[in-house]
Amino acid sequence: MAMPSVFVLGYSEAAMLLAGQTDVRIRALIAICGQREFAVEHPRITNRLILHFDDIDAMDDADPIQASAWRMRQRERADLGLIQTPPTLDDARQIIAFAETIRGMEGALLCHCLGGISRSAAAALLVMARWTGPGLEAECMRQLRLIRPCASPHRDLVRFGDSLLNRSGRLVSAAIEQLQLPEDSI
């Protein structure tokens, strides 16, 4: 079964692609929007998943120092009028379920967030991991880096997806390995 191609873009890039859409047939959309961000719109895209969370890490209750720092940053943001929400296990669950519904679709999937680097890259990685099945996690990450060389998938969203897809840490490991810099670049 052929699978849709995947695009990972930032908001502005996605809007420009859809405005000038000619030979690229975007038929599905995963848009991830934070508090002051928006999803791109296009009347021909009927398969849509719009998620609302920010590009921040989830709080780790197991690490009291990290949890305290997280709460302090949230209070500081709230003082500025920002209420930022991290991704949840349910967000990953929705992405995986959406991936299954569009698996045999003709056309392409567009994943976007504000910058097209972290949240949308993680969503695309979960989609590809769902489509390819276990054992191909490193290949999914390599494919993501070909699609979007600057991709740095959101670690919590990848971790949640790894758990839901029963990958025993292989998806997380593949993401970490692909993002490591060569020793001579440090």
Protein backbone atom coordinates (compact mmCIF):
# COMPACT_ATOMS: atom_id res chain seq x y z
CA MET A 1 0.00 0.00 0.00
CA ALA A 2 1.41 3.37 -1.00
CA MET A 3 1.65 5.95 1.74
CA PRO A 4 1.21 9.70 1.37
CA SER A 5 4.29 11.89 1.12
CA VAL A 6 4.96 14.13 4.09
CA PHE A 7 5.88 17.82 4.29
CA VAL A 8 7.12 19.47 7.49
CA LEU A 9 6.97 23.25 7.42
CA GLY A 10 6.65 26.34 9.56
CA TYR A 11 3.47 28.41 9.52
CA SER A 12 4.62 30.95 6.88
CA GLU A 13 6.08 28.28 4.61
CA ALA A 14 2.91 26.20 4.89
CA ALA A 15 0.71 29.20 4.06
CA MET A 16 2.83 30.03 1.00
CA LEU A 17 2.79 26.42 -0.17
CA LEU A 18 -0.99 26.24 0.08
CA ALA A 19 -1.51 29.65 -1.52
CA GLY A 20 0.50 28.62 -4.56
CA GLN A 21 -0.44 24.93 -4.54
CA THR A 22 -0.17 23.67 -8.08
CA ASP A 23 1.62 20.36 -8.49
CA VAL A 24 1.77 19.52 -4.75
CA ARG A 25 -1.45 17.85 -3.70
CA ILE A 26 -1.84 18.42 0.04
CA ARG A 27 -4.83 16.35 1.14
CA ALA A 28 -4.28 16.17 4.91
CA LEU A 29 -3.02 18.54 7.57
CA ILE A 30 -1.65 18.26 11.08
CA ALA A 31 -1.37 21.76 12.55
CA ILE A 32 0.06 22.35 16.00
CA CYS A 33 -0.69 25.75 17.48
CA GLY A 34 0.40 27.36 20.72
CA GLN A 35 -1.45 30.09 22.59
CA ARG A 36 -0.72 32.85 20.08
CA GLU A 37 -0.35 30.73 16.94
CA PHE A 38 -2.73 29.75 14.15
CA ALA A 39 -3.33 26.84 11.79
CA VAL A 40 -3.15 27.35 8.04
CA GLU A 41 -6.44 27.08 6.20
CA HIS A 42 -7.28 25.73 2.77
CA PRO A 43 -10.76 24.76 1.53
CA ARG A 44 -9.59 21.60 -0.26
CA ILE A 45 -8.03 20.08 2.86
CA THR A 46 -10.77 18.18 4.62
CA ASN A 47 -8.60 15.73 6.58
CA ARG A 48 -7.38 17.94 9.42
CA LEU A 49 -6.03 17.47 12.89
CA ILE A 50 -5.52 20.71 14.81
CA LEU A 51 -3.73 20.34 18.14
CA HIS A 52 -3.12 23.04 20.72
CA PHE A 53 0.09 22.91 22.70
CA ASP A 54 3.28 24.92 22.92
CA ASP A 55 6.92 24.11 22.25
CA ILE A 56 7.76 23.53 25.90
CA ASP A 57 8.77 20.43 27.80
CA ALA A 58 6.34 18.57 30.01
CA MET A 59 6.98 18.70 33.74
CA ASP A 60 8.85 15.70 35.14
CA ASP A 61 7.40 14.95 38.58
CA ALA A 62 10.14 12.37 39.15
CA ASP A 63 12.76 15.15 39.14
CA PRO A 64 11.91 17.62 41.93
CA ILE A 65 14.47 20.20 40.77
CA GLN A 66 13.23 20.13 37.17
CA ALA A 67 9.60 20.22 38.38
CA SER A 68 10.30 23.25 40.57
CA ALA A 69 12.08 25.08 37.74
CA TRP A 70 9.19 24.21 35.39
CA ARG A 71 6.61 25.65 37.81
CA MET A 72 8.68 28.81 38.24
CA ARG A 73 8.94 29.32 34.46
CA GLN A 74 5.18 28.80 34.14
CA ARG A 75 4.53 31.46 36.82
CA GLU A 76 6.87 33.87 35.03
CA ARG A 77 5.08 33.25 31.72
CA ALA A 78 1.69 33.71 33.36
CA ASP A 79 2.84 37.08 34.71
CA LEU A 80 3.40 38.07 31.07
CA GLY A 81 -0.01 36.78 30.00
CA LEU A 82 1.30 33.54 28.51
CA ILE A 83 -0.32 30.28 29.46
CA GLN A 84 1.81 27.68 27.75
CA THR A 85 0.78 24.06 27.55
CA PRO A 86 3.16 21.15 26.90
CA PRO A 87 2.17 18.21 24.69
CA THR A 88 0.38 15.31 26.35
CA LEU A 89 0.05 11.60 25.82
CA ASP A 90 -3.38 12.30 24.32
CA ASP A 91 -1.83 14.60 21.68
CA ALA A 92 0.45 11.75 20.59
CA ARG A 93 -2.52 9.37 20.62
CA GLN A 94 -4.49 11.70 18.32
CA ILE A 95 -1.56 11.99 15.88
CA ILE A 96 -1.17 8.21 15.69
CA ALA A 97 -4.92 7.67 15.20
CA PHE A 98 -4.99 10.37 12.49
CA ALA A 99 -2.04 8.71 10.75
CA GLU A 100 -4.02 5.50 10.51
CA THR A 101 -7.07 7.23 9.01
CA ILE A 102 -5.04 8.83 6.18
CA ARG A 103 -2.63 5.97 5.52
CA GLY A 104 -4.01 5.00 2.10
CA MET A 105 -4.87 8.53 1.02
CA GLU A 106 -3.63 9.85 -2.32
CA GLY A 107 -1.75 13.11 -2.03
CA ALA A 108 0.43 14.52 0.71
CA LEU A 109 0.29 15.23 4.44
CA LEU A 110 1.40 18.66 5.61
CA CYS A 111 2.58 18.92 9.23
CA HIS A 112 3.13 22.44 10.49
CA CYS A 113 3.75 24.37 13.67
CA LEU A 114 5.15 27.87 14.03
CA GLY A 115 8.73 27.09 12.98
CA GLY A 116 8.46 23.62 11.46
CA ILE A 117 11.31 22.32 13.59
CA SER A 118 10.14 20.67 16.80
CA ARG A 119 6.42 19.96 17.22
CA SER A 120 5.53 19.34 13.57
CA ALA A 121 8.71 17.30 13.08
CA ALA A 122 7.73 15.08 16.02
CA ALA A 123 4.22 14.69 14.60
CA ALA A 124 5.65 13.66 11.22
CA LEU A 125 8.00 11.19 12.92
CA LEU A 126 5.09 9.58 14.79
CA VAL A 127 3.07 9.36 11.56
CA MET A 128 5.92 7.71 9.68
CA ALA A 129 6.63 5.33 12.58
CA ARG A 130 2.96 4.30 12.60
CA TRP A 131 2.95 3.73 8.85
CA THR A 132 6.19 1.74 8.69
CA GLY A 133 5.83 -0.40 11.80
CA PRO A 134 8.35 -1.63 14.37
CA GLY A 135 12.04 -1.96 13.55
CA LEU A 136 12.26 0.99 11.15
CA GLU A 137 12.53 3.81 13.68
CA ALA A 138 16.02 4.89 12.56
CA GLU A 139 14.87 4.90 8.93
CA CYS A 140 11.88 7.08 9.86
CA MET A 141 14.22 9.56 11.53
CA ARG A 142 16.57 9.54 8.53
CA GLN A 143 13.60 10.18 6.25
CA LEU A 144 12.46 13.05 8.47
CA ARG A 145 15.91 14.64 8.25
CA LEU A 146 15.73 14.35 4.44
CA ILE A 147 12.30 16.00 4.43
CA ARG A 148 13.30 18.70 6.92
CA PRO A 149 17.07 18.93 7.56
CA CYS A 150 16.58 21.33 10.48
CA ALA A 151 14.13 18.95 12.22
CA SER A 152 14.66 18.50 15.93
CA PRO A 153 11.58 16.55 17.05
CA HIS A 154 10.00 17.53 20.36
CA ARG A 155 11.38 15.00 22.80
CA ASP A 156 8.26 14.61 24.96
CA LEU A 157 5.99 14.06 21.96
CA VAL A 158 8.42 11.47 20.59
CA ARG A 159 8.61 9.80 24.01
CA PHE A 160 4.81 9.63 24.25
CA GLY A 161 4.57 8.21 20.73
CA ASP A 162 7.28 5.65 21.44
CA SER A 163 5.25 4.43 24.41
CA LEU A 164 1.93 4.31 22.53
CA LEU A 165 3.50 2.50 19.56
CA ASN A 166 5.22 0.01 21.91
CA ARG A 167 8.67 0.79 20.50
CA SER A 168 10.54 0.19 23.79
CA GLY A 169 12.60 3.36 23.45
CA ARG A 170 13.73 2.69 19.87
CA LEU A 171 11.98 5.77 18.46
CA VAL A 172 13.49 7.99 21.16
CA SER A 173 16.93 6.44 20.56
CA ALA A 174 16.66 6.97 16.79
CA ALA A 175 15.81 10.64 17.30
CA ILE A 176 18.69 11.14 19.74
CA GLU A 177 21.22 9.37 17.49
CA GLN A 178 20.24 11.38 14.40
CA LEU A 179 20.48 14.67 16.26
CA GLN A 180 23.96 14.12 17.68
CA LEU A 181 26.58 16.45 16.28
CA PRO A 182 29.84 15.05 14.90
CA GLU A 183 32.60 15.26 17.49
CA ASP A 184 34.67 17.61 15.34
CA SER A 185 31.87 20.19 15.23
CA ILE A 186 31.91 20.77 18.98
